[in-house]
Protein backbone atom coordinates (compact mmCIF):
# COMPACT_ATOMS: atom_id res chain seq x y z
CA UNK A 1 0.00 0.00 0.00
CA UNK A 2 1.43 3.33 -1.02
CA UNK A 3 1.46 6.43 1.13
CA UNK A 4 -1.34 7.92 -1.01
CA UNK A 5 -3.62 4.89 -0.48
CA UNK A 6 -3.69 5.22 3.30
CA UNK A 7 -6.96 6.45 4.76
CA UNK A 8 -6.89 8.73 7.77
CA UNK A 9 -9.14 7.93 10.69
CA UNK A 10 -10.61 10.58 13.00
CA UNK A 11 -12.73 10.48 16.13
CA UNK A 12 -15.33 12.83 17.55
CA UNK A 13 -17.32 12.63 20.75
CA UNK A 14 -20.78 11.20 20.28
CA UNK A 15 -22.06 14.01 22.51
CA UNK A 16 -20.71 16.58 20.03
CA UNK A 17 -22.60 14.89 17.19
CA UNK A 18 -25.73 14.74 19.34
CA UNK A 19 -25.38 18.49 20.00
CA UNK A 20 -24.99 19.09 16.26
CA UNK A 21 -28.10 17.02 15.64
CA UNK A 22 -30.13 18.98 18.22
CA UNK A 23 -28.88 22.37 17.06
CA UNK A 24 -29.37 21.62 13.37
CA UNK A 25 -32.93 20.43 14.07
CA UNK A 26 -33.64 23.72 15.85
CA UNK A 27 -32.01 25.77 13.07
CA UNK A 28 -34.03 24.01 10.35
CA UNK A 29 -37.23 24.93 12.17
CA UNK A 30 -36.03 28.50 12.76
CA UNK A 31 -35.11 28.89 9.08
CA UNK A 32 -38.49 27.49 7.97
CA UNK A 33 -40.27 29.95 10.26
CA UNK A 34 -38.29 32.91 8.90
CA UNK A 35 -38.72 31.81 5.29
CA UNK A 36 -42.49 31.46 5.72
CA UNK A 37 -42.63 34.91 7.26
CA UNK A 38 -40.58 36.64 4.54
CA UNK A 39 -42.25 34.78 1.69
CA UNK A 40 -45.74 35.59 3.04
CA UNK A 41 -44.67 39.22 3.46
CA UNK A 42 -43.72 39.16 -0.23
CA UNK A 43 -40.29 40.44 0.64
CA UNK A 44 -38.27 41.76 -2.24
CA UNK A 45 -35.03 41.22 -0.33
CA UNK A 46 -33.58 38.42 -2.44
CA UNK A 47 -30.32 38.45 -0.47
CA UNK A 48 -32.18 37.79 2.81
CA UNK A 49 -34.25 35.00 1.26
CA UNK A 50 -31.17 33.45 -0.34
CA UNK A 51 -29.25 33.45 2.94
CA UNK A 52 -32.21 31.90 4.77
CA UNK A 53 -32.52 29.20 2.10
CA UNK A 54 -28.81 28.46 2.38
CA UNK A 55 -29.07 28.35 6.17
CA UNK A 56 -31.98 25.93 5.91
CA UNK A 57 -30.07 23.77 3.46
CA UNK A 58 -26.79 23.57 5.36
CA UNK A 59 -28.56 22.80 8.63
CA UNK A 60 -30.66 20.10 6.97
CA UNK A 61 -27.50 18.55 5.52
CA UNK A 62 -25.76 18.79 8.91
CA UNK A 63 -28.77 17.12 10.54
CA UNK A 64 -28.68 14.28 7.99
CA UNK A 65 -24.91 13.90 8.36
CA UNK A 66 -24.94 13.82 12.18
CA UNK A 67 -27.84 11.37 12.22
CA UNK A 68 -26.21 9.09 9.64
CA UNK A 69 -22.87 9.23 11.44
CA UNK A 70 -24.36 8.37 14.83
CA UNK A 71 -26.38 5.49 13.38
CA UNK A 72 -23.82 4.00 10.99
CA UNK A 73 -20.38 4.52 12.51
CA UNK A 74 -18.77 2.56 15.33
CA UNK A 75 -18.98 4.18 18.77
CA UNK A 76 -16.50 3.16 21.45
CA UNK A 77 -18.59 2.21 24.48
CA UNK A 78 -16.03 3.37 27.04
CA UNK A 79 -15.10 6.74 25.57
CA UNK A 80 -18.27 7.40 23.48
CA UNK A 81 -16.02 8.41 20.60
CA UNK A 82 -17.29 7.97 17.04
CA UNK A 83 -14.88 6.86 14.32
CA UNK A 84 -14.88 8.84 11.04
CA UNK A 85 -12.91 8.34 7.86
CA UNK A 86 -11.18 11.29 6.24
CA UNK A 87 -13.94 11.89 3.67
CA UNK A 88 -16.65 12.07 6.35
CA UNK A 89 -14.49 14.35 8.50
CA UNK A 90 -13.97 16.68 5.53
CA UNK A 91 -17.74 16.80 4.90
CA UNK A 92 -18.48 17.55 8.55
CA UNK A 93 -15.85 20.29 8.74
CA UNK A 94 -17.15 21.85 5.53
CA UNK A 95 -20.76 21.84 6.75
CA UNK A 96 -19.83 23.37 10.11
CA UNK A 97 -17.69 26.10 8.53
CA UNK A 98 -20.43 26.88 6.01
CA UNK A 99 -22.96 27.13 8.83
CA UNK A 100 -20.73 29.54 10.76
CA UNK A 101 -20.19 31.71 7.66
CA UNK A 102 -23.92 31.80 6.92
CA UNK A 103 -24.79 32.80 10.46
CA UNK A 104 -22.32 35.65 10.19
CA UNK A 105 -23.70 36.72 6.80
CA UNK A 106 -27.28 36.57 8.06
CA UNK A 107 -26.41 38.89 10.93
CA UNK A 108 -24.22 41.20 8.85
CA UNK A 109 -26.22 41.48 5.62
CA UNK A 110 -29.80 40.55 6.58
CA UNK A 111 -29.93 41.72 10.21
CA UNK A 112 -31.12 38.27 11.33
CA UNK A 113 -29.52 36.79 14.42
CA UNK A 114 -29.71 33.04 14.64
CA UNK A 115 -31.20 31.87 17.90
CA UNK A 116 -29.11 29.56 19.99
CA UNK A 117 -30.76 26.28 20.86
């Protein structure tokens, strides 16, 4: 096996994934509420609607990812650590960073502060 063929293995606390699952569930509902409000108000602020749609989407993907990871990956019973391969870790990091950037953009450009769960 060459150096390039080796797969990296990562771990994350199951509690951290459970927190992500809870928070993303809350954020999906919050985004749906805001989208319904702005769409019913016939808002012309496309930037605000776009950011809310993106926030909904990234939180839904994070919810699906955390749920899938908790259900399908091995969890060490003693440490409650979940094993991730490098591809899954990259996806999780990307989703979390995207979520953080969107929350900042929502506050900065749309004057919407995301509620904490």
